[in-house]
C-alpha atoms as a PDB file:
ATOM      1  CA  MET A   1      90.542 110.072  87.488  1.00  0.00           C
ATOM      2  CA  ILE A   2      92.759 111.738  90.049  1.00  0.00           C
ATOM      3  CA  PRO A   3      92.276 115.518  90.341  1.00  0.00           C
ATOM      4  CA  THR A   4      95.248 117.395  88.922  1.00  0.00           C
ATOM      5  CA  PRO A   5      97.758 117.961  91.745  1.00  0.00           C
ATOM      6  CA  SER A   6      98.696 121.473  92.787  1.00  0.00           C
ATOM      7  CA  CYS A   7     101.884 123.000  94.122  1.00  0.00           C
ATOM      8  CA  VAL A   8     102.140 122.767  97.912  1.00  0.00           C
ATOM      9  CA  TYR A   9     102.931 126.497  97.930  1.00  0.00           C
ATOM     10  CA  HIS A  10      99.999 127.387  95.643  1.00  0.00           C
ATOM     11  CA  LYS A  11      97.252 124.882  96.425  1.00  0.00           C
ATOM     12  CA  ASN A  12      94.720 126.209  93.935  1.00  0.00           C
ATOM     13  CA  ILE A  13      97.142 126.360  91.008  1.00  0.00           C
ATOM     14  CA  ALA A  14      97.335 123.137  88.995  1.00  0.00           C
ATOM     15  CA  LEU A  15     100.610 121.512  88.041  1.00  0.00           C
ATOM     16  CA  THR A  16     101.521 120.874  84.413  1.00  0.00           C
ATOM     17  CA  LEU A  17     102.983 117.522  83.382  1.00  0.00           C
ATOM     18  CA  GLU A  18     106.238 117.940  81.444  1.00  0.00           C
ATOM     19  CA  ASN A  19     108.963 115.351  80.789  1.00  0.00           C
ATOM     20  CA  ASN A  20     107.980 113.085  83.698  1.00  0.00           C
ATOM     21  CA  ASN A  21     107.822 116.002  86.130  1.00  0.00           C
ATOM     22  CA  TYR A  22     104.983 118.073  87.507  1.00  0.00           C
ATOM     23  CA  ILE A  23     105.730 121.796  87.234  1.00  0.00           C
ATOM     24  CA  CYS A  24     103.928 124.596  89.055  1.00  0.00           C
ATOM     25  CA  ASN A  25     102.533 127.106  86.554  1.00  0.00           C
ATOM     26  CA  LYS A  26     103.267 129.967  88.958  1.00  0.00           C
ATOM     27  CA  CYS A  27     106.561 129.329  90.755  1.00  0.00           C
ATOM     28  CA  LYS A  28     107.933 126.732  88.262  1.00  0.00           C
ATOM     29  CA  LYS A  29     108.865 124.337  91.056  1.00  0.00           C
ATOM     30  CA  LYS A  30     109.382 120.783  89.765  1.00  0.00           C
ATOM     31  CA  TYR A  31     108.098 117.607  91.402  1.00  0.00           C
ATOM     32  CA  MET A  32     109.451 114.241  90.297  1.00  0.00           C
ATOM     33  CA  ILE A  33     107.352 111.262  89.244  1.00  0.00           C
ATOM     34  CA  HIS A  34     108.786 107.796  89.898  1.00  0.00           C
ATOM     35  CA  ASN A  35     106.981 104.633  88.840  1.00  0.00           C
ATOM     36  CA  ASN A  36     103.861 106.747  88.204  1.00  0.00           C
ATOM     37  CA  VAL A  37     103.886 108.080  91.791  1.00  0.00           C
ATOM     38  CA  PRO A  38     104.317 111.865  91.979  1.00  0.00           C
ATOM     39  CA  SER A  39     106.351 113.094  94.962  1.00  0.00           C
ATOM     40  CA  ILE A  40     104.983 116.459  96.085  1.00  0.00           C
ATOM     41  CA  LEU A  41     106.381 117.583  99.409  1.00  0.00           C
ATOM     42  CA  LYS A  42     107.188 120.922 101.012  1.00  0.00           C
ATOM     43  CA  LYS A  43     109.043 119.390 103.950  1.00  0.00           C
ATOM     44  CA  ASN A  44     109.758 115.704 104.362  1.00  0.00           C
ATOM     45  CA  PRO A  45     107.771 114.568 107.430  1.00  0.00           C
ATOM     46  CA  GLU A  46     110.132 111.614 107.827  1.00  0.00           C
ATOM     47  CA  SER A  47     112.741 114.092 109.110  1.00  0.00           C
ATOM     48  CA  GLU A  48     110.511 115.506 111.847  1.00  0.00           C
ATOM     49  CA  SER A  49     111.782 115.006 115.402  1.00  0.00           C
ATOM     50  CA  TRP A  50     108.522 113.318 116.476  1.00  0.00           C
ATOM     51  CA  ASN A  51     108.773 110.689 113.734  1.00  0.00           C
ATOM     52  CA  THR A  52     110.880 107.816 115.080  1.00  0.00           C
ATOM     53  CA  TRP A  53     110.329 105.396 112.198  1.00  0.00           C
ATOM     54  CA  GLY A  54     113.586 104.226 110.679  1.00  0.00           C
ATOM     55  CA  ILE A  55     113.956 102.522 107.330  1.00  0.00           C
ATOM     56  CA  ASP A  56     114.009  99.032 108.910  1.00  0.00           C
ATOM     57  CA  GLU A  57     110.680  99.701 110.648  1.00  0.00           C
ATOM     58  CA  VAL A  58     109.253 101.043 107.388  1.00  0.00           C
ATOM     59  CA  LYS A  59     110.328  97.883 105.568  1.00  0.00           C
ATOM     60  CA  MET A  60     108.848  95.566 108.200  1.00  0.00           C
ATOM     61  CA  SER A  61     105.579  97.485 108.358  1.00  0.00           C
ATOM     62  CA  GLY A  62     105.414  97.829 104.588  1.00  0.00           C
ATOM     63  CA  ASP A  63     105.851  94.084 104.170  1.00  0.00           C
ATOM     64  CA  SER A  64     102.794  93.431 106.338  1.00  0.00           C
ATOM     65  CA  TYR A  65     100.703  96.085 104.562  1.00  0.00           C
ATOM     66  CA  TYR A  66     101.737  94.729 101.157  1.00  0.00           C
ATOM     67  CA  LYS A  67     100.736  91.196 102.140  1.00  0.00           C
ATOM     68  CA  ARG A  68      97.322  92.522 103.180  1.00  0.00           C
ATOM     69  CA  SER A  69      96.988  94.332  99.848  1.00  0.00           C
ATOM     70  CA  ILE A  70      97.632  91.215  97.769  1.00  0.00           C
ATOM     71  CA  GLY A  71      95.801  88.736 100.006  1.00  0.00           C
ATOM     72  CA  LEU A  72      98.696  86.908 101.691  1.00  0.00           C
ATOM     73  CA  LEU A  73      97.411  88.262 105.012  1.00  0.00           C
ATOM     74  CA  PRO A  74      93.731  88.770 105.915  1.00  0.00           C
ATOM     75  CA  GLU A  75      92.046  92.086 105.314  1.00  0.00           C
ATOM     76  CA  LYS A  76      92.345  94.440 108.252  1.00  0.00           C
ATOM     77  CA  GLU A  77      89.276  94.398 110.457  1.00  0.00           C
ATOM     78  CA  ALA A  78      89.452  98.210 110.478  1.00  0.00           C
ATOM     79  CA  SER A  79      89.323  98.447 106.685  1.00  0.00           C
ATOM     80  CA  LYS A  80      86.368  96.052 106.443  1.00  0.00           C
ATOM     81  CA  SER A  81      84.562  98.007 109.152  1.00  0.00           C
ATOM     82  CA  PHE A  82      85.282 101.273 107.324  1.00  0.00           C
ATOM     83  CA  ALA A  83      83.812 100.002 104.054  1.00  0.00           C
ATOM     84  CA  ARG A  84      80.690  98.646 105.771  1.00  0.00           C
ATOM     85  CA  PHE A  85      80.251 101.916 107.683  1.00  0.00           C
ATOM     86  CA  LEU A  86      80.302 103.957 104.460  1.00  0.00           C
ATOM     87  CA  ILE A  87      77.563 101.710 103.052  1.00  0.00           C
ATOM     88  CA  ARG A  88      75.455 101.557 106.203  1.00  0.00           C
ATOM     89  CA  GLU A  89      75.428 105.331 106.661  1.00  0.00           C
ATOM     90  CA  LYS A  90      74.804 105.935 102.932  1.00  0.00           C
ATOM     91  CA  LEU A  91      77.815 108.252 102.754  1.00  0.00           C
ATOM     92  CA  TYR A  92      79.212 106.816  99.524  1.00  0.00           C
ATOM     93  CA  GLN A  93      77.572 107.084  96.113  1.00  0.00           C
ATOM     94  CA  LYS A  94      78.879 105.245  93.075  1.00  0.00           C
ATOM     95  CA  GLY A  95      81.329 107.466  91.225  1.00  0.00           C
ATOM     96  CA  ASP A  96      82.462 109.361  94.320  1.00  0.00           C
ATOM     97  CA  THR A  97      86.164 110.121  94.528  1.00  0.00           C
ATOM     98  CA  VAL A  98      87.772 108.772  97.713  1.00  0.00           C
ATOM     99  CA  LEU A  99      90.982 110.062  99.322  1.00  0.00           C
ATOM    100  CA  ASP A 100      92.765 107.769 101.803  1.00  0.00           C
ATOM    101  CA  PHE A 101      95.017 109.567 104.312  1.00  0.00           C
ATOM    102  CA  GLY A 102      98.218 107.710 105.185  1.00  0.00           C
ATOM    103  CA  CYS A 103      97.324 104.870 102.854  1.00  0.00           C
ATOM    104  CA  ALA A 104     100.616 102.934 103.243  1.00  0.00           C
ATOM    105  CA  THR A 105     100.405 100.289 100.464  1.00  0.00           C
ATOM    106  CA  GLY A 106      96.702 100.867  99.877  1.00  0.00           C
ATOM    107  CA  HIS A 107      95.606  97.953 102.059  1.00  0.00           C
ATOM    108  CA  PHE A 108      92.279  99.716 102.751  1.00  0.00           C
ATOM    109  CA  LEU A 109      91.581  99.661  99.003  1.00  0.00           C
ATOM    110  CA  ARG A 110      91.299  95.869  99.105  1.00  0.00           C
ATOM    111  CA  SER A 111      88.360  96.151 101.525  1.00  0.00           C
ATOM    112  CA  LEU A 112      86.801  99.104  99.716  1.00  0.00           C
ATOM    113  CA  ARG A 113      86.725  97.032  96.533  1.00  0.00           C
ATOM    114  CA  ASN A 114      85.474  93.895  98.268  1.00  0.00           C
ATOM    115  CA  HIS A 115      82.770  95.496 100.409  1.00  0.00           C
ATOM    116  CA  LEU A 116      81.981  98.956  98.980  1.00  0.00           C
ATOM    117  CA  ASP A 117      82.501  99.231  95.217  1.00  0.00           C
ATOM    118  CA  PRO A 118      84.843  97.161  93.006  1.00  0.00           C
ATOM    119  CA  GLU A 119      85.276 100.232  90.794  1.00  0.00           C
ATOM    120  CA  VAL A 120      85.839 102.784  93.562  1.00  0.00           C
ATOM    121  CA  ASN A 121      87.747 105.870  92.366  1.00  0.00           C
ATOM    122  CA  TYR A 122      90.566 105.731  94.903  1.00  0.00           C
ATOM    123  CA  THR A 123      93.512 107.996  95.625  1.00  0.00           C
ATOM    124  CA  GLY A 124      95.866 107.268  98.498  1.00  0.00           C
ATOM    125  CA  PHE A 125      98.766 109.275  99.833  1.00  0.00           C
ATOM    126  CA  ASP A 126     101.520 108.658 102.335  1.00  0.00           C
ATOM    127  CA  SER A 127     104.721 110.335 103.525  1.00  0.00           C
ATOM    128  CA  HIS A 128     106.731 107.105 103.131  1.00  0.00           C
ATOM    129  CA  PHE A 129     107.594 106.638  99.470  1.00  0.00           C
ATOM    130  CA  GLU A 130     108.525 102.968  99.986  1.00  0.00           C
ATOM    131  CA  PHE A 131     104.945 102.170 100.997  1.00  0.00           C
ATOM    132  CA  LEU A 132     103.598 103.687  97.793  1.00  0.00           C
ATOM    133  CA  GLN A 133     105.993 101.665  95.636  1.00  0.00           C
ATOM    134  CA  TRP A 134     104.640  98.490  97.252  1.00  0.00           C
ATOM    135  CA  GLY A 135     101.144  99.825  96.557  1.00  0.00           C
ATOM    136  CA  LYS A 136     101.970 100.284  92.884  1.00  0.00           C
ATOM    137  CA  LYS A 137     103.321  96.740  92.800  1.00  0.00           C
ATOM    138  CA  ALA A 138     100.081  95.454  94.310  1.00  0.00           C
ATOM    139  CA  TYR A 139      97.553  97.449  92.259  1.00  0.00           C
ATOM    140  CA  GLY A 140      99.367  98.752  89.195  1.00  0.00           C
ATOM    141  CA  ASP A 141      97.564 101.653  87.524  1.00  0.00           C
ATOM    142  CA  THR A 142      94.081 100.722  88.766  1.00  0.00           C
ATOM    143  CA  CYS A 143      94.255 103.441  91.439  1.00  0.00           C
ATOM    144  CA  ASN A 144      96.208 106.588  92.263  1.00  0.00           C
ATOM    145  CA  PHE A 145      99.045 107.091  94.736  1.00  0.00           C
ATOM    146  CA  ILE A 146     100.805 110.322  95.635  1.00  0.00           C
ATOM    147  CA  HIS A 147     103.773 111.002  97.911  1.00  0.00           C
ATOM    148  CA  CYS A 148     102.900 113.972 100.087  1.00  0.00           C
ATOM    149  CA  ASP A 149     102.373 115.315 103.594  1.00  0.00           C
ATOM    150  CA  ALA A 150      98.968 115.312 105.306  1.00  0.00           C
ATOM    151  CA  LEU A 151      99.640 118.838 106.549  1.00  0.00           C
ATOM    152  CA  ASP A 152     100.302 120.112 102.993  1.00  0.00           C
ATOM    153  CA  ILE A 153      98.014 118.166 100.681  1.00  0.00           C
ATOM    154  CA  PRO A 154      98.786 119.165  97.069  1.00  0.00           C
ATOM    155  CA  PHE A 155      95.213 119.408  95.804  1.00  0.00           C
ATOM    156  CA  PRO A 156      92.853 122.351  95.397  1.00  0.00           C
ATOM    157  CA  ASP A 157      89.962 122.945  97.769  1.00  0.00           C
ATOM    158  CA  LYS A 158      87.093 120.411  97.613  1.00  0.00           C
ATOM    159  CA  SER A 159      88.979 117.989  95.356  1.00  0.00           C
ATOM    160  CA  PHE A 160      87.534 114.724  96.722  1.00  0.00           C
ATOM    161  CA  ASP A 161      83.968 113.712  97.523  1.00  0.00           C
ATOM    162  CA  ILE A 162      84.942 111.588 100.529  1.00  0.00           C
ATOM    163  CA  SER A 163      88.097 111.494 102.627  1.00  0.00           C
ATOM    164  CA  ILE A 164      88.828 108.614 104.996  1.00  0.00           C
ATOM    165  CA  VAL A 165      91.268 108.898 107.905  1.00  0.00           C
ATOM    166  CA  ASN A 166      92.486 106.206 110.292  1.00  0.00           C
ATOM    167  CA  LEU A 167      95.755 107.708 111.584  1.00  0.00           C
ATOM    168  CA  PHE A 168      95.297 111.192 113.060  1.00  0.00           C
ATOM    169  CA  HIS A 169      95.792 109.818 116.582  1.00  0.00           C
ATOM    170  CA  PHE A 170      99.519 109.756 115.714  1.00  0.00           C
ATOM    171  CA  PHE A 171      99.628 113.454 114.739  1.00  0.00           C
ATOM    172  CA  PRO A 172     101.184 116.060 117.071  1.00  0.00           C
ATOM    173  CA  ASP A 173      98.968 118.878 115.727  1.00  0.00           C
ATOM    174  CA  ILE A 174      95.426 117.562 115.307  1.00  0.00           C
ATOM    175  CA  GLU A 175      93.940 120.966 114.483  1.00  0.00           C
ATOM    176  CA  ALA A 176      96.298 121.513 111.534  1.00  0.00           C
ATOM    177  CA  ALA A 177      95.678 117.978 110.252  1.00  0.00           C
ATOM    178  CA  LEU A 178      91.883 118.282 110.432  1.00  0.00           C
ATOM    179  CA  LYS A 179      91.894 121.739 108.869  1.00  0.00           C
ATOM    180  CA  GLU A 180      93.762 120.462 105.829  1.00  0.00           C
ATOM    181  CA  ALA A 181      91.584 117.338 105.566  1.00  0.00           C
ATOM    182  CA  ILE A 182      88.404 119.431 105.657  1.00  0.00           C
ATOM    183  CA  ARG A 183      89.823 121.778 103.031  1.00  0.00           C
ATOM    184  CA  VAL A 184      90.259 119.100 100.339  1.00  0.00           C
ATOM    185  CA  THR A 185      86.947 117.316 101.052  1.00  0.00           C
ATOM    186  CA  LYS A 186      83.789 118.151  99.132  1.00  0.00           C
ATOM    187  CA  LYS A 187      81.189 116.120 101.063  1.00  0.00           C
ATOM    188  CA  TYR A 188      82.201 113.904 103.984  1.00  0.00           C
ATOM    189  CA  LEU A 189      85.356 113.435 105.985  1.00  0.00           C
ATOM    190  CA  VAL A 190      85.058 110.114 107.822  1.00  0.00           C
ATOM    191  CA  TRP A 191      87.513 109.916 110.704  1.00  0.00           C
ATOM    192  CA  ARG A 192      88.004 106.703 112.681  1.00  0.00           C
ATOM    193  CA  THR A 193      89.955 107.329 115.857  1.00  0.00           C
ATOM    194  CA  PRO A 194      90.368 106.025 119.399  1.00  0.00           C
ATOM    195  CA  VAL A 195      88.906 108.405 121.985  1.00  0.00           C
ATOM    196  CA  GLY A 196      89.681 109.240 125.582  1.00  0.00           C
ATOM    197  CA  ASP A 197      87.230 108.351 128.337  1.00  0.00           C
ATOM    198  CA  ASN A 198      85.971 111.871 129.193  1.00  0.00           C
ATOM    199  CA  ALA A 199      89.564 113.080 129.093  1.00  0.00           C
ATOM    200  CA  ASN A 200      92.298 113.957 126.618  1.00  0.00           C
ATOM    201  CA  TYR A 201      95.409 111.779 126.648  1.00  0.00           C
ATOM    202  CA  LEU A 202      98.589 113.027 124.969  1.00  0.00           C
ATOM    203  CA  ILE A 203     100.848 110.000 125.284  1.00  0.00           C
ATOM    204  CA  LYS A 204     104.557 109.859 124.531  1.00  0.00           C
ATOM    205  CA  ILE A 205     105.824 106.311 124.133  1.00  0.00           C
ATOM    206  CA  ILE A 206     109.510 105.945 125.003  1.00  0.00           C
ATOM    207  CA  LYS A 207     110.997 102.721 123.719  1.00  0.00           C
ATOM    208  CA  ASP A 208     112.158 100.127 126.227  1.00  0.00           C
ATOM    209  CA  ASP A 209     115.759 101.155 126.793  1.00  0.00           C
ATOM    210  CA  PRO A 210     117.607 100.598 130.089  1.00  0.00           C
ATOM    211  CA  TYR A 211     117.955 103.237 132.767  1.00  0.00           C
ATOM    212  CA  ASP A 212     121.670 103.706 132.121  1.00  0.00           C
ATOM    213  CA  LYS A 213     120.759 104.843 128.594  1.00  0.00           C
ATOM    214  CA  LEU A 214     117.566 106.820 129.308  1.00  0.00           C
ATOM    215  CA  GLY A 215     118.397 108.291 132.688  1.00  0.00           C
ATOM    216  CA  ASN A 216     115.615 109.880 134.731  1.00  0.00           C
ATOM    217  CA  LEU A 217     112.342 110.010 132.756  1.00  0.00           C
ATOM    218  CA  THR A 218     110.438 113.233 133.416  1.00  0.00           C
ATOM    219  CA  TYR A 219     107.504 114.771 131.548  1.00  0.00           C
ATOM    220  CA  ASP A 220     109.504 117.819 130.426  1.00  0.00           C
ATOM    221  CA  ARG A 221     112.370 115.916 128.756  1.00  0.00           C
ATOM    222  CA  ASN A 222     112.704 116.988 125.118  1.00  0.00           C
ATOM    223  CA  ASP A 223     115.857 115.076 124.206  1.00  0.00           C
ATOM    224  CA  LEU A 224     114.242 111.676 123.700  1.00  0.00           C
ATOM    225  CA  LYS A 225     112.732 110.149 120.599  1.00  0.00           C
ATOM    226  CA  PHE A 226     109.187 108.970 121.066  1.00  0.00           C
ATOM    227  CA  ASP A 227     106.057 107.673 119.376  1.00  0.00           C
ATOM    228  CA  LEU A 228     102.723 109.428 119.856  1.00  0.00           C
ATOM    229  CA  TYR A 229      99.214 108.452 120.777  1.00  0.00           C
ATOM    230  CA  MET A 230      96.690 111.312 120.939  1.00  0.00           C
ATOM    231  CA  LEU A 231      93.348 110.224 122.429  1.00  0.00           C
ATOM    232  CA  PHE A 232      90.815 113.059 122.555  1.00  0.00           C
ATOM    233  CA  ALA A 233      87.489 113.119 124.361  1.00  0.00           C
ATOM    234  CA  LYS A 234      84.419 113.084 122.110  1.00  0.00           C
ATOM    235  CA  LYS A 235      83.212 116.497 123.296  1.00  0.00           C
ATOM    236  CA  TYR A 236      86.640 117.957 122.581  1.00  0.00           C
ATOM    237  CA  ILE A 237      86.652 116.561 119.044  1.00  0.00           C
ATOM    238  CA  ILE A 238      83.184 117.913 118.267  1.00  0.00           C
ATOM    239  CA  LYS A 239      84.027 121.419 119.482  1.00  0.00           C
ATOM    240  CA  LEU A 240      87.356 121.361 117.635  1.00  0.00           C
ATOM    241  CA  ILE A 241      85.662 120.497 114.348  1.00  0.00           C
ATOM    242  CA  GLU A 242      83.026 123.187 114.862  1.00  0.00           C
ATOM    243  CA  SER A 243      85.831 125.706 115.353  1.00  0.00           C
ATOM    244  CA  LEU A 244      87.033 124.773 111.847  1.00  0.00           C
ATOM    245  CA  ASP A 245      83.643 125.674 110.298  1.00  0.00           C
ATOM    246  CA  ALA A 246      82.591 122.061 109.798  1.00  0.00           C
ATOM    247  CA  LYS A 247      80.013 119.927 111.576  1.00  0.00           C
ATOM    248  CA  VAL A 248      79.984 116.456 113.107  1.00  0.00           C
ATOM    249  CA  ILE A 249      76.801 114.741 111.933  1.00  0.00           C
ATOM    250  CA  LYS A 250      77.481 111.257 113.300  1.00  0.00           C
ATOM    251  CA  VAL A 251      79.475 109.717 116.151  1.00  0.00           C
ATOM    252  CA  GLU A 252      79.440 105.936 116.480  1.00  0.00           C
ATOM    253  CA  LYS A 253      81.544 103.482 118.464  1.00  0.00           C
ATOM    254  CA  ASP A 254      83.183 100.910 116.205  1.00  0.00           C
ATOM    255  CA  THR A 255      82.518  97.365 117.381  1.00  0.00           C
ATOM    256  CA  ASP A 256      82.238  95.955 113.864  1.00  0.00           C
ATOM    257  CA  PHE A 257      85.292  93.707 113.961  1.00  0.00           C
ATOM    258  CA  GLU A 258      86.090  90.060 114.588  1.00  0.00           C
ATOM    259  CA  PRO A 259      88.607  89.015 117.264  1.00  0.00           C
ATOM    260  CA  PHE A 260      92.226  89.143 116.081  1.00  0.00           C
ATOM    261  CA  ASP A 261      95.750  89.099 117.473  1.00  0.00           C
ATOM    262  CA  ASN A 262      98.416  90.661 115.279  1.00  0.00           C
ATOM    263  CA  THR A 263     101.052  90.157 117.980  1.00  0.00           C
ATOM    264  CA  VAL A 264     101.393  86.463 117.092  1.00  0.00           C
ATOM    265  CA  LEU A 265     102.100  87.088 113.396  1.00  0.00           C
ATOM    266  CA  PRO A 266     105.787  87.066 112.380  1.00  0.00           C
ATOM    267  CA  GLU A 267     105.210  90.115 110.163  1.00  0.00           C
ATOM    268  CA  PHE A 268     104.416  92.146 113.301  1.00  0.00           C
ATOM    269  CA  LYS A 269     107.132  90.775 115.581  1.00  0.00           C
ATOM    270  CA  TYR A 270     109.227  93.947 115.696  1.00  0.00           C
ATOM    271  CA  ILE A 271     106.642  96.662 115.050  1.00  0.00           C
ATOM    272  CA  PRO A 272     103.707  98.008 117.121  1.00  0.00           C
ATOM    273  CA  SER A 273     100.738  95.680 116.761  1.00  0.00           C
ATOM    274  CA  THR A 274      97.264  95.304 118.210  1.00  0.00           C
ATOM    275  CA  LYS A 275      94.913  92.628 119.423  1.00  0.00           C
ATOM    276  CA  THR A 276      91.316  92.572 120.604  1.00  0.00           C
ATOM    277  CA  VAL A 277      90.053  92.252 124.148  1.00  0.00           C
ATOM    278  CA  GLY A 278      86.263  92.174 124.066  1.00  0.00           C
ATOM    279  CA  GLU A 279      84.932  95.234 122.236  1.00  0.00           C
ATOM    280  CA  TYR A 280      88.244  97.043 122.538  1.00  0.00           C
ATOM    281  CA  GLN A 281      91.588  96.839 120.815  1.00  0.00           C
ATOM    282  CA  ILE A 282      94.840  97.220 122.728  1.00  0.00           C
ATOM    283  CA  ASN A 283      98.319  98.224 121.627  1.00  0.00           C
ATOM    284  CA  GLY A 284     100.767  97.341 124.337  1.00  0.00           C
ATOM    285  CA  SER A 285      99.297  98.937 127.480  1.00  0.00           C
ATOM    286  CA  ILE A 286      97.062 101.395 125.584  1.00  0.00           C
ATOM    287  CA  VAL A 287      93.339 100.639 125.295  1.00  0.00           C
ATOM    288  CA  LEU A 288      91.899 101.822 121.963  1.00  0.00           C
ATOM    289  CA  ASP A 289      88.207 102.729 122.066  1.00  0.00           C
ATOM    290  CA  TRP A 290      87.607 103.321 118.351  1.00  0.00           C
ATOM    291  CA  HIS A 291      84.855 105.683 117.165  1.00  0.00           C
ATOM    292  CA  TYR A 292      83.706 107.027 113.818  1.00  0.00           C
ATOM    293  CA  PHE A 293      83.226 110.765 113.379  1.00  0.00           C
ATOM    294  CA  VAL A 294      81.421 111.829 110.205  1.00  0.00           C
ATOM    295  CA  ILE A 295      82.256 115.438 109.357  1.00  0.00           C
ATOM    296  CA  ASP A 296      80.062 117.359 106.936  1.00  0.00           C
ATOM    297  CA  CYS A 297      82.348 119.525 104.797  1.00  0.00           C
ATOM    298  CA  ARG A 298      79.706 120.849 102.414  1.00  0.00           C
END
């Protein structure tokens, strides 16, 4: 069962279900439920200046995630690796509640069921409501989806035994994201992320527009839309997590994936996609050296 959601303004106060709405018992704020997916947001992250995803990109990406969820595309190598890592490190126990950050259509759930536990108690959340509707279409009521923001997770402290994260390298404020993830996790936060090679890389990706549209590109321009890649050095990550009163108990490079090339698939023709080169994955010109960080939140 999914823990009872809480108001984003009062995280330790449960919401009451009334007439297909969740209502905060303190401030009486209402949150809608559509197709059994509650939408609990303080501020819509889709409107943030750093988020350049338009609805067409969401639809194209969602189509690929949905096809992975229902088996029309292969399981993601990352999701299979994640499930095997949880088993190998004995982090998961049957009956544990699992929270999936930025779950899209729940395509990681397919691998969790195939390689971890067919009855895994899964809750996924995402800021894009369209993704979650595809997830509901794929899985029905066999799991839980919630529309919310990773920086304002609407659950009380220590709500989930295990949290899994595969997207914080896109976040502009890693400290705020980790702090909130640690807050809602009872046992282990398992974070898979690409790391920098003894350096921190804060990369803005400006889309390929001509000079007469972009003008002179300088590091201090703040008038351009961009995508983000945040690659932090391992030592930086460990010290950051310690500053949040948690502890890294395992760091392991992820090489547990078969060769793949998403760039040749039509579903990925117009969206960012990756392929393997040896033990690394690359996205455009960016080399992704993936590592697991196991964070003890107990």
